[in-house]
Amino acid sequence: MTDAESPTPDIPAPDMPVPFTGDAYTTPADAAGPIARLFPSLAYYPMMASIVYRAAAAAQRGEYSPSAWVGSSIEVVRALERTGVRLLIEGMEHFTQLEGPCVFVGNHMSTLETFVLPSIIQPHKNVTYVVKQSLADYPVFKHVLRTRDPITVGRVNPRDDLAAVLEGGEERLKRGISVIIFPQATRSDTLDPKTFNSIGVKLARRAGVPVVPFALKTDAWGTGWPIKDFGLIRPQRTVHFRFAAPLAVAGNGKDEHAAVYAFIEGCLAEWRNEIRAISS
């Protein structure tokens, strides 16, 4: 039986690395390397490629455990910090002190959160993603992602996607595996109520678990062309992750969905104002 197939309790392994302790984390001032800071993109991508290839090789051998996933994610964090990228993580107590699995619902801005969130959440709660099928088929990276038993959606038939998330998500939550959902159809540095759907709240209501809203600002990892996953690394842009208190879903979930949206939009507005203040 593979790691992805075995039932996983909602407790971290005894040897699970815990890189971020306490309720908040800020990148140390001396984390950046002098050469990597001068050429952040050129320095970062070879390090990232090495991490992914080593992880994929371990996954193909059947040796990629949840602890190894956290270890790879930590390596990515340290590689980003070497280039001068600064991370600020807040509100971790809202899920580290929460018993049982939950649904994490947040905005989606770049590739960075896919790589970094495991190092924040997995040491405390076994977790997986809802992802596009194309990501599960991505060269090399697919071997890593498939070990995490993700819920895949095709983004072609909304009804089929809803069923996949509700049924697959409920099954994983019953096994004690929390689920990360990005309700936006595409990555964006803004939030649009028309595209920020309520699927995360619907899953939480169906499974009888709380929702943990989170907001992020990760445009330090830019969008590239023609391959959007490989954009410029921009250390001057602080990376933010902020988690809110869990919400129990009552009734039809409309109030909870509105609260999730309001939390994320409020965080993004605050971080935009910080940038304006620095620039002025």
Protein backbone atom coordinates (compact mmCIF):
# COMPACT_ATOMS: atom_id res chain seq x y z
CA MET A 1 0.00 0.00 0.00
CA THR A 2 1.42 3.39 -0.97
CA ASP A 3 1.63 6.41 1.30
CA ALA A 4 -1.11 8.13 -0.72
CA GLU A 5 -3.43 5.13 -0.37
CA SER A 6 -3.03 4.51 3.35
CA PRO A 7 -5.42 6.17 5.82
CA THR A 8 -3.59 9.08 7.42
CA PRO A 9 -4.56 10.21 10.92
CA ASP A 10 -4.79 13.91 11.69
CA ILE A 11 -1.59 13.98 13.71
CA PRO A 12 1.91 14.75 12.43
CA ALA A 13 4.58 12.08 12.42
CA PRO A 14 6.93 12.12 15.44
CA ASP A 15 9.89 13.01 13.22
CA MET A 16 8.04 15.74 11.32
CA PRO A 17 10.22 18.87 10.97
CA VAL A 18 8.57 22.02 12.32
CA PRO A 19 10.29 25.03 10.72
CA PHE A 20 7.89 27.70 11.98
CA THR A 21 7.15 27.58 15.71
CA GLY A 22 4.83 29.85 17.64
CA ASP A 23 2.04 31.94 16.14
CA ALA A 24 4.08 33.97 13.64
CA TYR A 25 7.31 33.85 11.63
CA THR A 26 9.46 36.51 10.01
CA THR A 27 12.49 35.78 7.83
CA PRO A 28 15.70 36.61 9.72
CA ALA A 29 17.50 39.74 8.54
CA ASP A 30 20.69 37.78 7.74
CA ALA A 31 19.03 35.02 5.67
CA ALA A 32 20.01 36.37 2.24
CA GLY A 33 23.23 35.42 0.49
CA PRO A 34 25.22 38.27 -1.10
CA ILE A 35 25.49 36.66 -4.57
CA ALA A 36 21.95 35.27 -4.63
CA ARG A 37 20.60 38.68 -3.67
CA LEU A 38 22.29 40.27 -6.70
CA PHE A 39 20.84 37.72 -9.16
CA PRO A 40 17.70 36.37 -7.46
CA SER A 41 16.05 34.60 -10.38
CA LEU A 42 19.28 33.09 -11.68
CA ALA A 43 20.15 31.93 -8.18
CA TYR A 44 16.74 30.59 -7.22
CA TYR A 45 15.60 28.44 -10.13
CA PRO A 46 18.60 26.03 -10.17
CA MET A 47 18.07 25.50 -6.43
CA MET A 48 14.34 24.95 -6.93
CA ALA A 49 14.91 22.55 -9.83
CA SER A 50 17.30 20.48 -7.72
CA ILE A 51 14.74 20.28 -4.89
CA VAL A 52 11.94 19.17 -7.23
CA TYR A 53 14.04 16.60 -9.07
CA ARG A 54 15.29 15.03 -5.84
CA ALA A 55 11.74 14.94 -4.48
CA ALA A 56 10.38 13.40 -7.69
CA ALA A 57 13.08 10.73 -7.67
CA ALA A 58 12.21 9.82 -4.08
CA ALA A 59 8.50 9.73 -4.97
CA GLN A 60 9.14 7.38 -7.89
CA ARG A 61 11.03 5.06 -5.52
CA GLY A 62 8.06 5.12 -3.11
CA GLU A 63 10.16 6.92 -0.48
CA TYR A 64 8.46 10.32 -0.34
CA SER A 65 6.76 10.59 3.05
CA PRO A 66 4.81 13.54 4.51
CA SER A 67 7.97 14.45 6.44
CA ALA A 68 9.94 14.47 3.19
CA TRP A 69 7.31 16.75 1.64
CA VAL A 70 7.76 19.19 4.50
CA GLY A 71 11.52 18.95 4.11
CA SER A 72 11.31 19.85 0.40
CA SER A 73 9.01 22.77 1.19
CA ILE A 74 11.45 24.05 3.83
CA GLU A 75 14.25 23.86 1.27
CA VAL A 76 12.19 26.03 -1.09
CA VAL A 77 11.60 28.56 1.68
CA ARG A 78 15.31 28.75 2.48
CA ALA A 79 16.18 29.07 -1.23
CA LEU A 80 13.77 32.01 -1.56
CA GLU A 81 15.17 33.61 1.58
CA ARG A 82 18.70 33.28 0.22
CA THR A 83 17.71 35.54 -2.68
CA GLY A 84 16.46 38.19 -0.25
CA VAL A 85 12.75 37.26 -0.27
CA ARG A 86 11.21 38.02 3.13
CA LEU A 87 8.36 35.89 4.50
CA LEU A 88 5.87 37.08 7.11
CA ILE A 89 3.52 34.37 8.40
CA GLU A 90 0.80 35.26 10.90
CA GLY A 91 -2.08 33.57 12.71
CA MET A 92 -0.74 30.02 12.75
CA GLU A 93 -2.37 29.45 16.14
CA HIS A 94 -5.75 29.40 14.42
CA PHE A 95 -5.06 25.98 12.95
CA THR A 96 -2.26 24.57 15.13
CA GLN A 97 -4.61 24.71 18.13
CA LEU A 98 -7.60 23.35 16.20
CA GLU A 99 -8.50 19.72 16.78
CA GLY A 100 -9.42 17.62 13.79
CA PRO A 101 -9.25 18.32 10.07
CA CYS A 102 -10.49 21.48 8.38
CA VAL A 103 -10.86 23.14 4.99
CA PHE A 104 -8.34 25.90 4.27
CA VAL A 105 -9.80 28.49 1.88
CA GLY A 106 -7.61 31.25 0.46
CA ASN A 107 -6.72 33.36 -2.54
CA HIS A 108 -4.27 32.21 -5.21
CA MET A 109 -1.56 34.54 -6.50
CA SER A 110 1.47 32.58 -7.71
CA THR A 111 3.32 29.27 -7.79
CA LEU A 112 4.99 30.15 -4.48
CA GLU A 113 2.11 29.14 -2.21
CA THR A 114 1.92 25.66 -3.74
CA PHE A 115 5.54 25.08 -2.71
CA VAL A 116 5.53 26.88 0.66
CA LEU A 117 2.19 25.99 2.31
CA PRO A 118 3.25 22.38 3.09
CA SER A 119 6.02 23.64 5.39
CA ILE A 120 3.50 25.80 7.27
CA ILE A 121 0.54 23.42 7.59
CA GLN A 122 1.72 19.81 7.20
CA PRO A 123 3.81 19.71 10.44
CA HIS A 124 0.54 20.28 12.33
CA LYS A 125 -2.18 18.83 10.09
CA ASN A 126 -1.98 16.27 7.34
CA VAL A 127 -3.16 18.16 4.28
CA THR A 128 -3.69 17.91 0.54
CA TYR A 129 -4.74 20.24 -2.28
CA VAL A 130 -7.56 20.64 -4.74
CA VAL A 131 -5.63 21.09 -8.01
CA LYS A 132 -6.16 21.26 -11.75
CA GLN A 133 -5.67 17.94 -13.52
CA SER A 134 -2.98 19.61 -15.65
CA LEU A 135 -0.89 20.20 -12.52
CA ALA A 136 -1.19 16.55 -11.54
CA ASP A 137 0.17 15.73 -15.02
CA TYR A 138 2.98 18.34 -14.90
CA PRO A 139 6.36 16.84 -15.91
CA VAL A 140 8.52 15.75 -12.96
CA PHE A 141 6.37 17.59 -10.36
CA LYS A 142 3.50 15.15 -10.96
CA HIS A 143 5.40 12.41 -9.13
CA VAL A 144 5.57 14.55 -5.99
CA LEU A 145 1.99 15.76 -6.15
CA ARG A 146 0.49 12.33 -6.68
CA THR A 147 1.98 11.08 -3.40
CA ARG A 148 -0.16 13.68 -1.62
CA ASP A 149 -3.44 12.16 -2.88
CA PRO A 150 -4.77 15.47 -4.31
CA ILE A 151 -8.31 16.12 -5.44
CA THR A 152 -8.16 16.91 -9.16
CA VAL A 153 -10.57 18.99 -11.22
CA GLY A 154 -10.64 19.40 -14.98
CA ARG A 155 -11.92 22.99 -15.14
CA VAL A 156 -14.10 21.96 -18.11
CA ASN A 157 -17.39 20.87 -16.53
CA PRO A 158 -18.25 22.85 -13.36
CA ARG A 159 -20.78 20.23 -12.25
CA ASP A 160 -18.20 17.43 -12.48
CA ASP A 161 -15.64 19.57 -10.62
CA LEU A 162 -18.11 20.32 -7.82
CA ALA A 163 -18.88 16.61 -7.42
CA ALA A 164 -15.15 15.75 -7.42
CA VAL A 165 -14.39 18.29 -4.70
CA LEU A 166 -17.39 17.49 -2.50
CA GLU A 167 -17.07 13.72 -2.73
CA GLY A 168 -13.29 13.51 -2.78
CA GLY A 169 -12.91 16.19 -0.15
CA GLU A 170 -15.38 14.58 2.22
CA GLU A 171 -13.63 11.23 1.87
CA ARG A 172 -10.26 12.73 2.74
CA LEU A 173 -11.61 14.79 5.62
CA LYS A 174 -13.14 11.64 7.11
CA ARG A 175 -9.64 10.15 7.03
CA GLY A 176 -8.35 13.16 8.97
CA ILE A 177 -6.74 14.87 5.97
CA SER A 178 -7.36 18.62 5.73
CA VAL A 179 -7.94 20.18 2.31
CA ILE A 180 -6.51 23.39 0.81
CA ILE A 181 -8.80 25.07 -1.73
CA PHE A 182 -8.12 28.11 -3.92
CA PRO A 183 -11.63 29.10 -5.11
CA GLN A 184 -10.36 31.53 -7.76
CA ALA A 185 -10.32 30.15 -11.28
CA THR A 186 -6.91 31.68 -12.00
CA ARG A 187 -4.03 33.28 -10.15
CA SER A 188 -4.52 36.97 -9.53
CA ASP A 189 -3.20 39.78 -7.34
CA THR A 190 -6.78 41.02 -6.90
CA LEU A 191 -9.98 39.43 -5.63
CA ASP A 192 -13.20 39.31 -7.64
CA PRO A 193 -16.44 38.16 -5.94
CA LYS A 194 -17.67 36.82 -9.30
CA THR A 195 -14.81 34.30 -9.55
CA PHE A 196 -14.25 33.58 -5.85
CA ASN A 197 -16.71 30.71 -5.50
CA SER A 198 -18.07 29.09 -2.34
CA ILE A 199 -16.91 25.54 -2.99
CA GLY A 200 -14.69 25.48 0.11
CA VAL A 201 -17.54 26.45 2.40
CA LYS A 202 -19.80 23.90 0.71
CA LEU A 203 -17.27 21.15 1.33
CA ALA A 204 -16.84 22.15 4.98
CA ARG A 205 -20.61 22.17 5.50
CA ARG A 206 -21.01 18.76 3.88
CA ALA A 207 -18.17 17.20 5.91
CA GLY A 208 -19.10 18.93 9.17
CA VAL A 209 -15.66 20.54 9.64
CA PRO A 210 -14.62 24.19 10.12
CA VAL A 211 -13.25 26.54 7.49
CA VAL A 212 -9.91 28.27 8.16
CA PRO A 213 -9.63 31.35 5.92
CA PHE A 214 -6.18 32.46 4.83
CA ALA A 215 -4.91 35.38 2.81
CA LEU A 216 -1.64 35.54 0.94
CA LYS A 217 0.47 37.91 -1.08
CA THR A 218 3.07 35.96 -3.03
CA ASP A 219 3.87 38.08 -6.08
CA ALA A 220 7.54 37.98 -5.12
CA TRP A 221 7.41 34.95 -7.44
CA GLY A 222 6.27 36.54 -10.68
CA THR A 223 4.33 35.09 -13.60
CA GLY A 224 6.51 34.16 -16.52
CA TRP A 225 6.08 33.89 -20.29
CA PRO A 226 5.66 31.59 -22.12
CA ILE A 227 5.76 29.31 -19.04
CA LYS A 228 3.85 31.20 -16.36
CA ASP A 229 5.29 29.11 -13.49
CA PHE A 230 8.78 30.55 -14.04
CA GLY A 231 8.61 34.30 -13.61
CA LEU A 232 11.02 36.75 -12.06
CA ILE A 233 11.89 36.43 -8.37
CA ARG A 234 11.35 39.89 -6.84
CA PRO A 235 12.84 40.11 -3.33
CA GLN A 236 11.61 43.67 -2.84
CA ARG A 237 8.06 42.28 -2.47
CA THR A 238 7.36 40.81 0.97
CA VAL A 239 5.59 37.45 1.01
CA HIS A 240 2.59 37.43 3.34
CA PHE A 241 0.57 34.53 4.73
CA ARG A 242 -2.15 35.25 7.30
CA PHE A 243 -4.60 32.76 8.80
CA ALA A 244 -7.91 33.67 10.44
CA ALA A 245 -9.91 32.02 13.19
CA PRO A 246 -11.84 28.90 12.11
CA LEU A 247 -15.47 29.31 11.11
CA ALA A 248 -18.17 26.74 11.82
CA VAL A 249 -20.53 26.62 8.84
CA ALA A 250 -24.19 27.09 9.73
CA GLY A 251 -27.23 27.14 7.47
CA ASN A 252 -26.46 27.59 3.77
CA GLY A 253 -22.95 28.93 4.41
CA LYS A 254 -23.49 32.31 2.75
CA ASP A 255 -22.42 34.27 5.83
CA GLU A 256 -19.27 32.20 6.24
CA HIS A 257 -18.37 32.59 2.57
CA ALA A 258 -18.85 36.35 2.88
CA ALA A 259 -16.63 36.36 5.98
CA VAL A 260 -13.87 34.47 4.16
CA TYR A 261 -14.01 36.91 1.25
CA ALA A 262 -14.03 39.96 3.56
CA PHE A 263 -11.02 38.67 5.49
CA ILE A 264 -8.94 38.10 2.36
CA GLU A 265 -9.94 41.38 0.73
CA GLY A 266 -9.14 43.25 3.96
CA CYS A 267 -5.66 41.70 4.12
CA LEU A 268 -4.93 42.47 0.46
CA ALA A 269 -6.04 46.09 0.95
CA GLU A 270 -3.79 46.41 4.01
CA TRP A 271 -0.79 45.03 2.14
CA ARG A 272 -1.45 47.26 -0.87
CA ASN A 273 -1.49 50.28 1.43
CA GLU A 274 1.83 49.21 2.96
CA ILE A 275 3.39 49.17 -0.51
CA ARG A 276 2.01 52.63 -1.30
CA ALA A 277 3.35 53.96 1.99
CA ILE A 278 6.84 52.58 1.26
CA SER A 279 6.77 53.95 -2.30
CA SER A 280 5.64 57.45 -1.32
